[in-house]
């Protein structure tokens, strides 16, 4: 489920066709620049999300769409490489991470479950007073989420986040930042596997042909 709707391959294909309509109509190359599931840490749940990603990649291949996964390295949300769970950096920023989750201010990795008592009256008010208001691209509810969760409640967290680093000297800063060194990070191997299979298909299409030209997976006329 996502935003109250069941997500399967047909739904993903429908969304892709809708968002790529202009490019396909005009013959413009399609580039999907930011996408990828957010992982929960629960292997059973995440397996469904890897399946969703695989469906997306196969749809992109079907329509010759280029893509770039978001993101490569992060703190455990959706990156191919993630900071170790016991890293100093995560311990340092833990108070802000907890507040982010409680207030639902992370547009990619949180829900509004903790502040429905705040959002529901606003959603009801906007729907009642402006029933025809349908802001692009996702409608009223997501527009309200952007205004309240991702701006009004998120911006004050910037100062709190910065305050966590107050008084840290250069040596300690380097030590904390070292959590992002590749030899200290952990690979999300299941994700790597899905991406490796999809990338291999693209590489095969780009292998040189018999006459030395680079093939693009298309049959010559």
C-alpha atoms as a PDB file:
ATOM      1  CA  UNK A   1       0.000   0.000   0.000  1.00  0.00           C
ATOM      2  CA  UNK A   2       1.157   3.561  -0.745  1.00  0.00           C
ATOM      3  CA  UNK A   3      -0.942   6.635   0.113  1.00  0.00           C
ATOM      4  CA  UNK A   4      -3.956   4.395   0.545  1.00  0.00           C
ATOM      5  CA  UNK A   5      -3.611   2.595  -2.781  1.00  0.00           C
ATOM      6  CA  UNK A   6      -2.509  -0.946  -3.525  1.00  0.00           C
ATOM      7  CA  UNK A   7       0.683  -0.887  -5.573  1.00  0.00           C
ATOM      8  CA  UNK A   8       1.346  -3.685  -8.044  1.00  0.00           C
ATOM      9  CA  UNK A   9       3.063  -3.929 -11.429  1.00  0.00           C
ATOM     10  CA  UNK A  10      -0.029  -2.672 -13.287  1.00  0.00           C
ATOM     11  CA  UNK A  11      -0.195   0.399 -11.061  1.00  0.00           C
ATOM     12  CA  UNK A  12       3.510   1.113 -11.567  1.00  0.00           C
ATOM     13  CA  UNK A  13       3.130   0.781 -15.331  1.00  0.00           C
ATOM     14  CA  UNK A  14       0.114   3.082 -15.318  1.00  0.00           C
ATOM     15  CA  UNK A  15       2.029   5.742 -13.379  1.00  0.00           C
ATOM     16  CA  UNK A  16       5.045   5.424 -15.667  1.00  0.00           C
ATOM     17  CA  UNK A  17       2.909   5.782 -18.810  1.00  0.00           C
ATOM     18  CA  UNK A  18       1.175   8.827 -17.358  1.00  0.00           C
ATOM     19  CA  UNK A  19       4.385  10.604 -16.358  1.00  0.00           C
ATOM     20  CA  UNK A  20       6.246   9.737 -19.546  1.00  0.00           C
ATOM     21  CA  UNK A  21       3.382  10.592 -21.922  1.00  0.00           C
ATOM     22  CA  UNK A  22       4.993  13.778 -23.247  1.00  0.00           C
ATOM     23  CA  UNK A  23       8.383  12.150 -23.847  1.00  0.00           C
ATOM     24  CA  UNK A  24       6.873   9.166 -25.599  1.00  0.00           C
ATOM     25  CA  UNK A  25       4.614  11.365 -27.715  1.00  0.00           C
ATOM     26  CA  UNK A  26       7.459  13.628 -28.837  1.00  0.00           C
ATOM     27  CA  UNK A  27      10.151  10.966 -29.122  1.00  0.00           C
ATOM     28  CA  UNK A  28      12.194  12.598 -26.359  1.00  0.00           C
ATOM     29  CA  UNK A  29      14.593  10.255 -24.512  1.00  0.00           C
ATOM     30  CA  UNK A  30      13.202   9.248 -21.113  1.00  0.00           C
ATOM     31  CA  UNK A  31      15.355   9.658 -18.006  1.00  0.00           C
ATOM     32  CA  UNK A  32      14.111   8.581 -14.566  1.00  0.00           C
ATOM     33  CA  UNK A  33      16.436  10.535 -12.323  1.00  0.00           C
ATOM     34  CA  UNK A  34      15.242   9.857  -8.773  1.00  0.00           C
ATOM     35  CA  UNK A  35      13.398   6.764  -7.637  1.00  0.00           C
ATOM     36  CA  UNK A  36      13.657   3.815  -5.290  1.00  0.00           C
ATOM     37  CA  UNK A  37      11.771   2.305  -2.344  1.00  0.00           C
ATOM     38  CA  UNK A  38      12.368   3.267   1.263  1.00  0.00           C
ATOM     39  CA  UNK A  39      13.366   0.175   3.237  1.00  0.00           C
ATOM     40  CA  UNK A  40      11.890  -0.632   6.635  1.00  0.00           C
ATOM     41  CA  UNK A  41      14.514  -2.970   8.057  1.00  0.00           C
ATOM     42  CA  UNK A  42      11.951  -5.777   8.225  1.00  0.00           C
ATOM     43  CA  UNK A  43      13.151  -8.442   5.728  1.00  0.00           C
ATOM     44  CA  UNK A  44       9.608  -9.612   4.919  1.00  0.00           C
ATOM     45  CA  UNK A  45       8.372  -6.093   4.148  1.00  0.00           C
ATOM     46  CA  UNK A  46      11.524  -5.128   2.302  1.00  0.00           C
ATOM     47  CA  UNK A  47      11.301  -8.150   0.015  1.00  0.00           C
ATOM     48  CA  UNK A  48       8.057  -6.701  -1.349  1.00  0.00           C
ATOM     49  CA  UNK A  49       9.871  -3.413  -1.915  1.00  0.00           C
ATOM     50  CA  UNK A  50      12.698  -5.101  -3.790  1.00  0.00           C
ATOM     51  CA  UNK A  51      10.036  -6.745  -5.959  1.00  0.00           C
ATOM     52  CA  UNK A  52       8.504  -3.324  -6.589  1.00  0.00           C
ATOM     53  CA  UNK A  53      11.893  -1.967  -7.612  1.00  0.00           C
ATOM     54  CA  UNK A  54      12.461  -4.904  -9.950  1.00  0.00           C
ATOM     55  CA  UNK A  55       9.064  -4.279 -11.573  1.00  0.00           C
ATOM     56  CA  UNK A  56       9.997  -0.622 -12.068  1.00  0.00           C
ATOM     57  CA  UNK A  57      13.324  -1.502 -13.670  1.00  0.00           C
ATOM     58  CA  UNK A  58      11.697  -3.962 -16.057  1.00  0.00           C
ATOM     59  CA  UNK A  59       9.153  -1.316 -17.076  1.00  0.00           C
ATOM     60  CA  UNK A  60      11.961   1.168 -17.709  1.00  0.00           C
ATOM     61  CA  UNK A  61      13.730  -1.392 -19.860  1.00  0.00           C
ATOM     62  CA  UNK A  62      10.536  -2.078 -21.805  1.00  0.00           C
ATOM     63  CA  UNK A  63      10.340   1.588 -22.815  1.00  0.00           C
ATOM     64  CA  UNK A  64      14.113   2.188 -23.195  1.00  0.00           C
ATOM     65  CA  UNK A  65      14.072   4.615 -20.276  1.00  0.00           C
ATOM     66  CA  UNK A  66      17.372   5.544 -18.680  1.00  0.00           C
ATOM     67  CA  UNK A  67      17.486   5.623 -14.894  1.00  0.00           C
ATOM     68  CA  UNK A  68      19.579   6.552 -11.878  1.00  0.00           C
ATOM     69  CA  UNK A  69      18.669   5.147  -8.463  1.00  0.00           C
ATOM     70  CA  UNK A  70      18.257   7.536  -5.556  1.00  0.00           C
ATOM     71  CA  UNK A  71      20.411   7.260  -3.537  1.00  0.00           C
ATOM     72  CA  UNK A  72      23.849   5.590  -3.489  1.00  0.00           C
ATOM     73  CA  UNK A  73      24.910   6.166   0.148  1.00  0.00           C
ATOM     74  CA  UNK A  74      22.831   7.196   3.145  1.00  0.00           C
ATOM     75  CA  UNK A  75      22.102   6.369   6.791  1.00  0.00           C
ATOM     76  CA  UNK A  76      19.945   3.306   6.195  1.00  0.00           C
ATOM     77  CA  UNK A  77      16.897   4.667   4.396  1.00  0.00           C
ATOM     78  CA  UNK A  78      17.318   3.476   0.811  1.00  0.00           C
ATOM     79  CA  UNK A  79      20.970   3.607  -0.181  1.00  0.00           C
ATOM     80  CA  UNK A  80      22.966   0.842  -1.805  1.00  0.00           C
ATOM     81  CA  UNK A  81      25.646   1.582   0.790  1.00  0.00           C
ATOM     82  CA  UNK A  82      24.637   2.640   4.304  1.00  0.00           C
ATOM     83  CA  UNK A  83      26.309   3.873   7.450  1.00  0.00           C
ATOM     84  CA  UNK A  84      26.709   1.124  10.062  1.00  0.00           C
ATOM     85  CA  UNK A  85      23.851   1.112  12.620  1.00  0.00           C
ATOM     86  CA  UNK A  86      26.289   1.570  15.525  1.00  0.00           C
ATOM     87  CA  UNK A  87      28.196   4.468  13.920  1.00  0.00           C
ATOM     88  CA  UNK A  88      29.121   7.497  16.044  1.00  0.00           C
ATOM     89  CA  UNK A  89      27.377   9.754  13.536  1.00  0.00           C
ATOM     90  CA  UNK A  90      24.034   8.016  14.041  1.00  0.00           C
ATOM     91  CA  UNK A  91      24.402   8.127  17.823  1.00  0.00           C
ATOM     92  CA  UNK A  92      25.117  11.843  17.619  1.00  0.00           C
ATOM     93  CA  UNK A  93      22.092  12.741  15.501  1.00  0.00           C
ATOM     94  CA  UNK A  94      19.704  10.250  17.157  1.00  0.00           C
ATOM     95  CA  UNK A  95      17.582  12.944  18.919  1.00  0.00           C
ATOM     96  CA  UNK A  96      16.810  14.667  15.626  1.00  0.00           C
ATOM     97  CA  UNK A  97      16.101  11.363  13.889  1.00  0.00           C
ATOM     98  CA  UNK A  98      13.570  10.487  16.578  1.00  0.00           C
ATOM     99  CA  UNK A  99      11.858  13.853  16.254  1.00  0.00           C
ATOM    100  CA  UNK A 100      11.836  13.587  12.454  1.00  0.00           C
ATOM    101  CA  UNK A 101      10.054  10.252  12.731  1.00  0.00           C
ATOM    102  CA  UNK A 102       7.610  11.505  15.368  1.00  0.00           C
ATOM    103  CA  UNK A 103       6.626  14.579  13.334  1.00  0.00           C
ATOM    104  CA  UNK A 104       6.743  12.828   9.968  1.00  0.00           C
ATOM    105  CA  UNK A 105       8.901  15.542   8.437  1.00  0.00           C
ATOM    106  CA  UNK A 106      11.043  13.324   6.219  1.00  0.00           C
ATOM    107  CA  UNK A 107       9.298  13.381   2.860  1.00  0.00           C
ATOM    108  CA  UNK A 108      10.898  10.084   1.804  1.00  0.00           C
ATOM    109  CA  UNK A 109      11.097   8.042   4.954  1.00  0.00           C
ATOM    110  CA  UNK A 110       8.262   8.864   7.341  1.00  0.00           C
ATOM    111  CA  UNK A 111       4.483   8.864   7.684  1.00  0.00           C
ATOM    112  CA  UNK A 112       2.026  11.317   9.185  1.00  0.00           C
ATOM    113  CA  UNK A 113       0.692   8.798  11.737  1.00  0.00           C
ATOM    114  CA  UNK A 114       2.031  10.793  14.684  1.00  0.00           C
ATOM    115  CA  UNK A 115       0.408  14.094  13.694  1.00  0.00           C
ATOM    116  CA  UNK A 116      -2.919  13.087  12.174  1.00  0.00           C
ATOM    117  CA  UNK A 117      -4.602  15.132  14.925  1.00  0.00           C
ATOM    118  CA  UNK A 118      -2.947  18.201  13.378  1.00  0.00           C
ATOM    119  CA  UNK A 119      -3.301  17.377   9.701  1.00  0.00           C
ATOM    120  CA  UNK A 120      -6.846  16.003   9.611  1.00  0.00           C
ATOM    121  CA  UNK A 121      -8.550  19.308  10.567  1.00  0.00           C
ATOM    122  CA  UNK A 122      -6.460  21.192   8.000  1.00  0.00           C
ATOM    123  CA  UNK A 123      -7.301  18.669   5.278  1.00  0.00           C
ATOM    124  CA  UNK A 124     -10.996  18.894   6.175  1.00  0.00           C
ATOM    125  CA  UNK A 125     -10.870  22.697   6.118  1.00  0.00           C
ATOM    126  CA  UNK A 126      -9.181  22.909   2.710  1.00  0.00           C
ATOM    127  CA  UNK A 127     -11.555  20.320   1.232  1.00  0.00           C
ATOM    128  CA  UNK A 128     -14.587  22.145   2.627  1.00  0.00           C
ATOM    129  CA  UNK A 129     -13.529  25.655   1.607  1.00  0.00           C
ATOM    130  CA  UNK A 130     -11.724  24.834  -1.643  1.00  0.00           C
ATOM    131  CA  UNK A 131     -13.326  21.662  -3.042  1.00  0.00           C
ATOM    132  CA  UNK A 132     -12.118  22.388  -6.586  1.00  0.00           C
ATOM    133  CA  UNK A 133      -8.530  23.074  -5.546  1.00  0.00           C
ATOM    134  CA  UNK A 134      -6.361  20.348  -7.076  1.00  0.00           C
ATOM    135  CA  UNK A 135      -2.699  21.395  -6.904  1.00  0.00           C
ATOM    136  CA  UNK A 136      -0.287  19.592  -9.216  1.00  0.00           C
ATOM    137  CA  UNK A 137       1.073  17.046  -9.223  1.00  0.00           C
ATOM    138  CA  UNK A 138      -0.377  15.057  -6.290  1.00  0.00           C
ATOM    139  CA  UNK A 139      -3.483  16.870  -5.091  1.00  0.00           C
ATOM    140  CA  UNK A 140      -4.612  18.504  -1.876  1.00  0.00           C
ATOM    141  CA  UNK A 141      -3.397  16.043   0.727  1.00  0.00           C
ATOM    142  CA  UNK A 142       0.183  15.881  -0.516  1.00  0.00           C
ATOM    143  CA  UNK A 143       0.232  19.657  -0.962  1.00  0.00           C
ATOM    144  CA  UNK A 144      -0.797  20.085   2.683  1.00  0.00           C
ATOM    145  CA  UNK A 145       1.848  17.563   3.736  1.00  0.00           C
ATOM    146  CA  UNK A 146       4.471  19.625   1.913  1.00  0.00           C
ATOM    147  CA  UNK A 147       3.364  22.850   3.585  1.00  0.00           C
ATOM    148  CA  UNK A 148       2.974  21.477   7.115  1.00  0.00           C
ATOM    149  CA  UNK A 149       5.235  18.458   7.515  1.00  0.00           C
ATOM    150  CA  UNK A 150       8.048  19.213   5.120  1.00  0.00           C
ATOM    151  CA  UNK A 151       8.313  22.995   5.610  1.00  0.00           C
ATOM    152  CA  UNK A 152       6.541  24.257   8.756  1.00  0.00           C
ATOM    153  CA  UNK A 153       7.739  21.422  11.009  1.00  0.00           C
ATOM    154  CA  UNK A 154      10.935  20.545   9.170  1.00  0.00           C
ATOM    155  CA  UNK A 155      12.660  23.920   9.021  1.00  0.00           C
ATOM    156  CA  UNK A 156      13.038  24.367  12.819  1.00  0.00           C
ATOM    157  CA  UNK A 157      14.814  21.014  12.897  1.00  0.00           C
ATOM    158  CA  UNK A 158      17.680  22.497  10.893  1.00  0.00           C
ATOM    159  CA  UNK A 159      18.791  24.534  13.904  1.00  0.00           C
ATOM    160  CA  UNK A 160      18.412  21.551  16.225  1.00  0.00           C
ATOM    161  CA  UNK A 161      20.459  19.401  13.870  1.00  0.00           C
ATOM    162  CA  UNK A 162      23.208  22.022  13.646  1.00  0.00           C
ATOM    163  CA  UNK A 163      23.202  22.368  17.421  1.00  0.00           C
ATOM    164  CA  UNK A 164      24.177  18.720  17.806  1.00  0.00           C
ATOM    165  CA  UNK A 165      27.563  19.582  16.300  1.00  0.00           C
ATOM    166  CA  UNK A 166      28.183  22.654  18.444  1.00  0.00           C
ATOM    167  CA  UNK A 167      31.508  22.470  20.295  1.00  0.00           C
ATOM    168  CA  UNK A 168      32.906  19.605  18.224  1.00  0.00           C
ATOM    169  CA  UNK A 169      36.561  20.191  17.341  1.00  0.00           C
ATOM    170  CA  UNK A 170      38.228  19.278  14.062  1.00  0.00           C
ATOM    171  CA  UNK A 171      39.531  15.927  15.252  1.00  0.00           C
ATOM    172  CA  UNK A 172      36.117  14.851  16.552  1.00  0.00           C
ATOM    173  CA  UNK A 173      34.434  16.092  13.368  1.00  0.00           C
ATOM    174  CA  UNK A 174      36.736  13.923  11.266  1.00  0.00           C
ATOM    175  CA  UNK A 175      36.049  10.957  13.512  1.00  0.00           C
ATOM    176  CA  UNK A 176      32.276  11.380  13.189  1.00  0.00           C
ATOM    177  CA  UNK A 177      32.443  11.943   9.430  1.00  0.00           C
ATOM    178  CA  UNK A 178      34.537   8.792   9.140  1.00  0.00           C
ATOM    179  CA  UNK A 179      31.312   6.808   9.499  1.00  0.00           C
ATOM    180  CA  UNK A 180      30.777   7.470   5.794  1.00  0.00           C
ATOM    181  CA  UNK A 181      34.109   5.951   4.719  1.00  0.00           C
ATOM    182  CA  UNK A 182      33.471   3.030   2.379  1.00  0.00           C
ATOM    183  CA  UNK A 183      35.366   0.549   4.535  1.00  0.00           C
ATOM    184  CA  UNK A 184      33.094   1.385   7.485  1.00  0.00           C
ATOM    185  CA  UNK A 185      29.805   1.305   5.572  1.00  0.00           C
ATOM    186  CA  UNK A 186      27.639  -1.692   4.850  1.00  0.00           C
ATOM    187  CA  UNK A 187      26.331  -2.810   1.471  1.00  0.00           C
ATOM    188  CA  UNK A 188      22.632  -3.507   1.079  1.00  0.00           C
ATOM    189  CA  UNK A 189      23.363  -6.730  -0.768  1.00  0.00           C
ATOM    190  CA  UNK A 190      19.804  -7.588  -1.794  1.00  0.00           C
ATOM    191  CA  UNK A 191      19.449  -4.188  -3.416  1.00  0.00           C
ATOM    192  CA  UNK A 192      22.810  -4.571  -5.138  1.00  0.00           C
ATOM    193  CA  UNK A 193      21.649  -7.901  -6.545  1.00  0.00           C
ATOM    194  CA  UNK A 194      18.493  -6.395  -8.073  1.00  0.00           C
ATOM    195  CA  UNK A 195      20.464  -3.503  -9.578  1.00  0.00           C
ATOM    196  CA  UNK A 196      23.210  -5.789 -10.886  1.00  0.00           C
ATOM    197  CA  UNK A 197      20.686  -7.893 -12.825  1.00  0.00           C
ATOM    198  CA  UNK A 198      19.024  -4.791 -14.300  1.00  0.00           C
ATOM    199  CA  UNK A 199      22.356  -3.186 -15.196  1.00  0.00           C
ATOM    200  CA  UNK A 200      23.566  -6.387 -16.855  1.00  0.00           C
ATOM    201  CA  UNK A 201      20.609  -6.244 -19.231  1.00  0.00           C
ATOM    202  CA  UNK A 202      21.533  -2.688 -20.224  1.00  0.00           C
ATOM    203  CA  UNK A 203      25.206  -3.598 -20.688  1.00  0.00           C
ATOM    204  CA  UNK A 204      24.288  -6.478 -22.974  1.00  0.00           C
ATOM    205  CA  UNK A 205      22.311  -4.085 -25.164  1.00  0.00           C
ATOM    206  CA  UNK A 206      25.355  -1.808 -25.437  1.00  0.00           C
ATOM    207  CA  UNK A 207      27.824  -4.523 -26.430  1.00  0.00           C
ATOM    208  CA  UNK A 208      29.563  -3.998 -29.788  1.00  0.00           C
ATOM    209  CA  UNK A 209      27.896  -5.605 -32.772  1.00  0.00           C
ATOM    210  CA  UNK A 210      29.665  -7.729 -35.390  1.00  0.00           C
ATOM    211  CA  UNK A 211      30.662  -4.658 -37.393  1.00  0.00           C
ATOM    212  CA  UNK A 212      32.096  -2.909 -34.332  1.00  0.00           C
ATOM    213  CA  UNK A 213      29.189  -0.517 -33.819  1.00  0.00           C
ATOM    214  CA  UNK A 214      27.602  -0.179 -30.383  1.00  0.00           C
ATOM    215  CA  UNK A 215      24.199  -1.796 -30.279  1.00  0.00           C
ATOM    216  CA  UNK A 216      21.242  -0.103 -28.588  1.00  0.00           C
ATOM    217  CA  UNK A 217      18.974  -3.077 -28.306  1.00  0.00           C
ATOM    218  CA  UNK A 218      17.145  -2.143 -31.519  1.00  0.00           C
ATOM    219  CA  UNK A 219      16.668  -4.185 -34.640  1.00  0.00           C
ATOM    220  CA  UNK A 220      18.106  -2.397 -37.725  1.00  0.00           C
ATOM    221  CA  UNK A 221      15.651  -1.669 -40.564  1.00  0.00           C
END
